[in-house]
Amino acid sequence: MECRFRKYDTIEDSILDHGKLLNFSRYKSVITSKDYKEASQNVYNSGYGTDYECRENLIAIIERNKLYVYDCAPRSEIAKNTE
């Protein structure tokens, strides 16, 4: 399997493009996931994650860095506000 990666001149360009990418209907299951564990699985299911251990790796990073503290609103509420 060949994976294509994008290169950006600035981190701002990368972040803006990533935001556009997540607006594709293909990734709606990630945005509407009920928690970070489900979202991690949906990242892989949608084809974004290329590593077979993508789900486990994402969850480990989130838990190691306590990133779940940023999950202040249920995903369903966020999705409703962006439709």
Protein backbone atom coordinates (compact mmCIF):
# COMPACT_ATOMS: atom_id res chain seq x y z
CA MET A 1 0.00 0.00 0.00
CA GLU A 2 1.33 3.41 -0.95
CA CYS A 3 0.49 6.33 1.31
CA ARG A 4 0.56 9.91 0.15
CA PHE A 5 1.46 12.63 2.60
CA ARG A 6 1.17 16.38 2.22
CA LYS A 7 3.88 18.89 3.00
CA TYR A 8 3.14 22.42 4.20
CA ASP A 9 5.20 25.58 4.39
CA THR A 10 3.77 26.52 7.80
CA ILE A 11 1.98 24.83 10.68
CA GLU A 12 -0.92 27.22 10.12
CA ASP A 13 -1.34 25.93 6.56
CA SER A 14 -1.33 22.38 7.89
CA ILE A 15 -3.97 23.11 10.54
CA LEU A 16 -6.25 24.91 8.07
CA ASP A 17 -6.03 22.07 5.56
CA HIS A 18 -6.68 19.49 8.28
CA GLY A 19 -9.85 21.35 9.26
CA LYS A 20 -11.02 21.27 5.64
CA LEU A 21 -10.30 17.54 5.48
CA LEU A 22 -12.45 16.79 8.51
CA ASN A 23 -15.41 18.47 6.83
CA PHE A 24 -15.58 15.67 4.24
CA SER A 25 -18.58 13.39 4.82
CA ARG A 26 -16.16 10.47 4.88
CA TYR A 27 -15.00 11.60 8.36
CA LYS A 28 -18.42 12.42 9.85
CA SER A 29 -18.23 9.30 12.02
CA VAL A 30 -15.07 10.70 13.63
CA ILE A 31 -16.68 14.05 14.39
CA THR A 32 -19.88 12.47 15.74
CA SER A 33 -18.18 9.81 17.88
CA LYS A 34 -19.37 9.63 21.49
CA ASP A 35 -15.86 9.58 22.97
CA TYR A 36 -12.17 9.54 22.03
CA LYS A 37 -12.02 5.74 21.94
CA GLU A 38 -14.82 5.53 19.40
CA ALA A 39 -13.31 8.42 17.45
CA SER A 40 -9.97 6.62 17.37
CA GLN A 41 -11.61 3.56 15.85
CA ASN A 42 -13.49 5.70 13.34
CA VAL A 43 -10.27 7.43 12.26
CA TYR A 44 -9.03 4.03 11.12
CA ASN A 45 -12.41 2.90 9.71
CA SER A 46 -12.66 6.04 7.57
CA GLY A 47 -9.29 5.38 5.96
CA TYR A 48 -7.42 8.26 7.60
CA GLY A 49 -5.23 6.05 9.80
CA THR A 50 -2.87 3.89 7.77
CA ASP A 51 -1.40 1.86 10.65
CA TYR A 52 -3.23 -1.30 11.73
CA GLU A 53 -2.60 -0.25 15.34
CA CYS A 54 -3.89 3.28 14.73
CA ARG A 55 -6.71 3.01 17.28
CA GLU A 56 -4.51 1.71 20.06
CA ASN A 57 -1.75 4.23 19.32
CA LEU A 58 -4.15 7.19 19.33
CA ILE A 59 -5.77 6.09 22.58
CA ALA A 60 -2.35 5.63 24.21
CA ILE A 61 -1.26 9.14 23.16
CA ILE A 62 -4.53 10.67 24.38
CA GLU A 63 -4.35 8.90 27.74
CA ARG A 64 -0.61 9.45 28.27
CA ASN A 65 -1.03 13.18 27.70
CA LYS A 66 -4.47 13.41 29.37
CA LEU A 67 -5.89 15.00 26.21
CA TYR A 68 -9.36 13.74 27.14
CA VAL A 69 -9.67 16.78 29.43
CA TYR A 70 -10.36 18.80 26.27
CA ASP A 71 -13.49 16.75 25.57
CA CYS A 72 -15.74 19.26 27.31
CA ALA A 73 -18.82 18.82 25.13
CA PRO A 74 -20.42 15.65 23.83
CA ARG A 75 -19.54 15.06 20.16
CA SER A 76 -23.23 15.00 19.24
CA GLU A 77 -23.60 18.60 20.48
CA ILE A 78 -20.57 19.72 18.49
CA ALA A 79 -21.93 18.02 15.36
CA LYS A 80 -25.33 19.71 15.79
CA ASN A 81 -23.68 23.11 16.01
CA THR A 82 -21.68 22.58 12.81
CA GLU A 83 -24.49 21.41 10.54
